[in-house]
Amino acid sequence: MEWIKIEERKPPNNVYVLIATYDGRPNVKMHFIQIACRLNDAWIDDHEGELLDSKYGVVTHWMPLPDKPEDGNIKNG
């Protein structure tokens, strides 16, 4: 899978995807990767279900989440 630039194509609404954000504030300059869902022009984080605040980062890229494991079981060891 490859990252898709948000300016080229947005993911579908109400579908969780992997997003890359960039916080370009002068004293920060950080990249973040997380799972989120797009609702029109807003983004909802999958962990807290909260609106992502664009003042702390702009979504620059996205990609679909990978498929879950075939059997659904996670085995240790």
N, C-alpha and C. Protein backbone atom coordinates (compact mmCIF):
# COMPACT_ATOMS: atom_id res chain seq x y z
N MET A 1 0.84 -1.18 0.00
CA MET A 1 0.00 0.00 0.00
C MET A 1 0.89 1.24 0.00
N GLU A 2 0.39 2.28 -0.61
CA GLU A 2 1.13 3.54 -0.66
C GLU A 2 0.27 4.66 -0.10
N TRP A 3 0.95 5.68 0.44
CA TRP A 3 0.26 6.85 0.96
C TRP A 3 -0.38 7.62 -0.20
N ILE A 4 -1.58 8.15 0.04
CA ILE A 4 -2.31 8.96 -0.93
C ILE A 4 -2.34 10.39 -0.41
N LYS A 5 -1.93 11.33 -1.23
CA LYS A 5 -1.97 12.73 -0.81
C LYS A 5 -3.42 13.18 -0.68
N ILE A 6 -3.72 13.82 0.42
CA ILE A 6 -5.09 14.27 0.69
C ILE A 6 -5.54 15.28 -0.36
N GLU A 7 -4.60 16.04 -0.92
CA GLU A 7 -4.97 17.03 -1.93
C GLU A 7 -5.31 16.37 -3.27
N GLU A 8 -4.88 15.12 -3.46
CA GLU A 8 -5.20 14.39 -4.70
C GLU A 8 -6.53 13.65 -4.60
N ARG A 9 -6.76 13.05 -3.43
CA ARG A 9 -8.00 12.28 -3.24
C ARG A 9 -8.26 12.10 -1.76
N LYS A 10 -9.50 12.35 -1.34
CA LYS A 10 -9.89 12.16 0.05
C LYS A 10 -10.47 10.76 0.22
N PRO A 11 -10.32 10.19 1.40
CA PRO A 11 -10.95 8.88 1.64
C PRO A 11 -12.46 9.03 1.75
N PRO A 12 -13.18 7.93 1.63
CA PRO A 12 -14.64 8.00 1.76
C PRO A 12 -15.04 8.47 3.16
N ASN A 13 -16.19 9.08 3.27
CA ASN A 13 -16.74 9.46 4.57
C ASN A 13 -17.04 8.21 5.39
N ASN A 14 -16.92 8.35 6.71
CA ASN A 14 -17.31 7.30 7.67
C ASN A 14 -16.55 6.00 7.52
N VAL A 15 -15.32 6.06 7.02
CA VAL A 15 -14.47 4.87 6.89
C VAL A 15 -13.16 5.16 7.61
N TYR A 16 -12.79 4.28 8.54
CA TYR A 16 -11.52 4.48 9.24
C TYR A 16 -10.35 4.17 8.32
N VAL A 17 -9.37 5.05 8.33
CA VAL A 17 -8.16 4.91 7.52
C VAL A 17 -6.95 5.31 8.37
N LEU A 18 -5.78 5.01 7.89
CA LEU A 18 -4.54 5.45 8.51
C LEU A 18 -4.23 6.83 7.96
N ILE A 19 -3.98 7.81 8.84
CA ILE A 19 -3.67 9.15 8.36
C ILE A 19 -2.29 9.59 8.84
N ALA A 20 -1.67 10.45 8.06
CA ALA A 20 -0.43 11.10 8.44
C ALA A 20 -0.73 12.58 8.58
N THR A 21 -0.37 13.14 9.71
CA THR A 21 -0.57 14.57 9.93
C THR A 21 0.78 15.24 10.13
N TYR A 22 0.83 16.51 9.84
CA TYR A 22 2.05 17.28 10.03
C TYR A 22 1.72 18.51 10.85
N ASP A 23 2.44 18.68 11.94
CA ASP A 23 2.29 19.85 12.80
C ASP A 23 3.46 20.76 12.52
N GLY A 24 3.23 21.80 11.75
CA GLY A 24 4.29 22.67 11.30
C GLY A 24 4.48 23.93 12.12
N ARG A 25 3.97 23.93 13.36
CA ARG A 25 4.20 25.12 14.19
C ARG A 25 5.71 25.32 14.35
N PRO A 26 6.16 26.57 14.41
CA PRO A 26 7.60 26.86 14.45
C PRO A 26 8.38 26.11 15.53
N ASN A 27 7.78 25.88 16.68
CA ASN A 27 8.51 25.22 17.76
C ASN A 27 8.26 23.72 17.84
N VAL A 28 7.54 23.14 16.88
CA VAL A 28 7.17 21.72 16.96
C VAL A 28 7.74 20.91 15.81
N LYS A 29 7.24 21.09 14.58
CA LYS A 29 7.67 20.36 13.39
C LYS A 29 7.66 18.84 13.61
N MET A 30 6.47 18.25 13.75
CA MET A 30 6.35 16.81 13.99
C MET A 30 5.36 16.17 13.03
N HIS A 31 5.58 14.89 12.77
CA HIS A 31 4.65 14.07 11.99
C HIS A 31 3.98 13.07 12.94
N PHE A 32 2.72 12.79 12.70
CA PHE A 32 1.98 11.81 13.49
C PHE A 32 1.27 10.84 12.55
N ILE A 33 1.19 9.59 12.95
CA ILE A 33 0.44 8.57 12.21
C ILE A 33 -0.63 8.04 13.16
N GLN A 34 -1.87 7.98 12.70
CA GLN A 34 -2.95 7.47 13.54
C GLN A 34 -4.11 6.99 12.68
N ILE A 35 -5.06 6.34 13.33
CA ILE A 35 -6.27 5.89 12.66
C ILE A 35 -7.36 6.93 12.91
N ALA A 36 -8.06 7.30 11.85
CA ALA A 36 -9.13 8.29 11.97
C ALA A 36 -10.17 8.07 10.89
N CYS A 37 -11.28 8.74 11.06
CA CYS A 37 -12.41 8.65 10.14
C CYS A 37 -12.73 10.06 9.66
N ARG A 38 -12.96 10.21 8.36
CA ARG A 38 -13.30 11.53 7.80
C ARG A 38 -14.81 11.70 7.77
N LEU A 39 -15.26 12.85 8.25
CA LEU A 39 -16.67 13.24 8.17
C LEU A 39 -16.72 14.59 7.48
N ASN A 40 -16.91 14.56 6.17
CA ASN A 40 -16.85 15.75 5.33
C ASN A 40 -15.47 16.38 5.44
N ASP A 41 -15.36 17.56 6.03
CA ASP A 41 -14.04 18.19 6.16
C ASP A 41 -13.47 18.07 7.57
N ALA A 42 -14.06 17.23 8.41
CA ALA A 42 -13.57 17.02 9.77
C ALA A 42 -13.00 15.61 9.89
N TRP A 43 -12.15 15.41 10.88
CA TRP A 43 -11.55 14.10 11.15
C TRP A 43 -11.83 13.71 12.59
N ILE A 44 -12.22 12.46 12.81
CA ILE A 44 -12.52 11.92 14.13
C ILE A 44 -11.48 10.85 14.45
N ASP A 45 -10.85 10.97 15.60
CA ASP A 45 -9.83 9.99 16.00
C ASP A 45 -10.50 8.71 16.49
N ASP A 46 -9.91 7.57 16.20
CA ASP A 46 -10.54 6.29 16.54
C ASP A 46 -10.39 5.93 18.00
N HIS A 47 -9.43 6.50 18.70
CA HIS A 47 -9.17 6.13 20.09
C HIS A 47 -10.16 6.78 21.05
N GLU A 48 -10.30 8.09 20.96
CA GLU A 48 -11.17 8.83 21.86
C GLU A 48 -12.50 9.21 21.22
N GLY A 49 -12.58 9.08 19.89
CA GLY A 49 -13.79 9.50 19.20
C GLY A 49 -13.96 11.00 19.17
N GLU A 50 -12.84 11.71 19.33
CA GLU A 50 -12.87 13.17 19.37
C GLU A 50 -12.48 13.78 18.03
N LEU A 51 -12.94 14.98 17.81
CA LEU A 51 -12.59 15.74 16.63
C LEU A 51 -11.10 16.10 16.70
N LEU A 52 -10.38 15.85 15.61
CA LEU A 52 -8.97 16.23 15.56
C LEU A 52 -8.88 17.73 15.33
N ASP A 53 -8.12 18.40 16.15
CA ASP A 53 -7.99 19.85 16.08
C ASP A 53 -6.89 20.20 15.09
N SER A 54 -7.25 20.87 14.00
CA SER A 54 -6.29 21.16 12.93
C SER A 54 -5.19 22.13 13.37
N LYS A 55 -5.35 22.82 14.49
CA LYS A 55 -4.28 23.71 14.93
C LYS A 55 -3.07 22.92 15.40
N TYR A 56 -3.25 21.62 15.69
CA TYR A 56 -2.14 20.78 16.12
C TYR A 56 -1.66 19.83 15.03
N GLY A 57 -2.13 20.00 13.83
CA GLY A 57 -1.67 19.17 12.74
C GLY A 57 -2.66 19.12 11.60
N VAL A 58 -2.14 19.07 10.41
CA VAL A 58 -2.95 19.02 9.19
C VAL A 58 -2.78 17.65 8.57
N VAL A 59 -3.89 17.02 8.19
CA VAL A 59 -3.82 15.72 7.52
C VAL A 59 -3.21 15.94 6.14
N THR A 60 -2.11 15.25 5.87
CA THR A 60 -1.43 15.41 4.58
C THR A 60 -1.59 14.19 3.68
N HIS A 61 -1.68 12.99 4.27
CA HIS A 61 -1.76 11.74 3.51
C HIS A 61 -2.67 10.75 4.23
N TRP A 62 -3.11 9.73 3.49
CA TRP A 62 -3.91 8.66 4.08
C TRP A 62 -3.69 7.38 3.29
N MET A 63 -4.07 6.25 3.90
CA MET A 63 -4.10 4.97 3.21
C MET A 63 -5.13 4.07 3.88
N PRO A 64 -5.70 3.14 3.13
CA PRO A 64 -6.66 2.22 3.72
C PRO A 64 -5.99 1.37 4.81
N LEU A 65 -6.78 0.94 5.76
CA LEU A 65 -6.27 0.02 6.77
C LEU A 65 -6.06 -1.34 6.13
N PRO A 66 -5.08 -2.10 6.61
CA PRO A 66 -4.89 -3.45 6.05
C PRO A 66 -6.05 -4.35 6.46
N ASP A 67 -6.22 -5.43 5.74
CA ASP A 67 -7.24 -6.42 6.09
C ASP A 67 -6.88 -7.06 7.42
N LYS A 68 -7.90 -7.48 8.16
CA LYS A 68 -7.65 -8.18 9.42
C LYS A 68 -7.14 -9.59 9.12
N PRO A 69 -6.52 -10.24 10.08
CA PRO A 69 -6.03 -11.61 9.85
C PRO A 69 -7.17 -12.54 9.45
N GLU A 70 -6.86 -13.49 8.60
CA GLU A 70 -7.86 -14.44 8.08
C GLU A 70 -8.67 -15.14 9.17
N ASP A 71 -7.97 -15.76 10.16
CA ASP A 71 -8.68 -16.56 11.15
C ASP A 71 -9.19 -15.72 12.33
N GLY A 72 -8.72 -14.47 12.44
CA GLY A 72 -9.18 -13.62 13.52
C GLY A 72 -8.59 -13.94 14.86
N ASN A 73 -7.78 -15.00 14.96
CA ASN A 73 -7.17 -15.37 16.22
C ASN A 73 -5.73 -14.87 16.29
N ILE A 74 -5.37 -14.36 17.45
CA ILE A 74 -3.98 -13.95 17.67
C ILE A 74 -3.38 -14.96 18.63
N LYS A 75 -2.28 -15.57 18.21
CA LYS A 75 -1.65 -16.61 19.03
C LYS A 75 -0.32 -16.10 19.55
N ASN A 76 -0.08 -16.32 20.82
CA ASN A 76 1.21 -15.95 21.42
C ASN A 76 2.20 -17.08 21.26
N GLY A 77 3.45 -16.71 21.10
CA GLY A 77 4.49 -17.66 21.21
C GLY A 77 5.05 -18.33 20.09
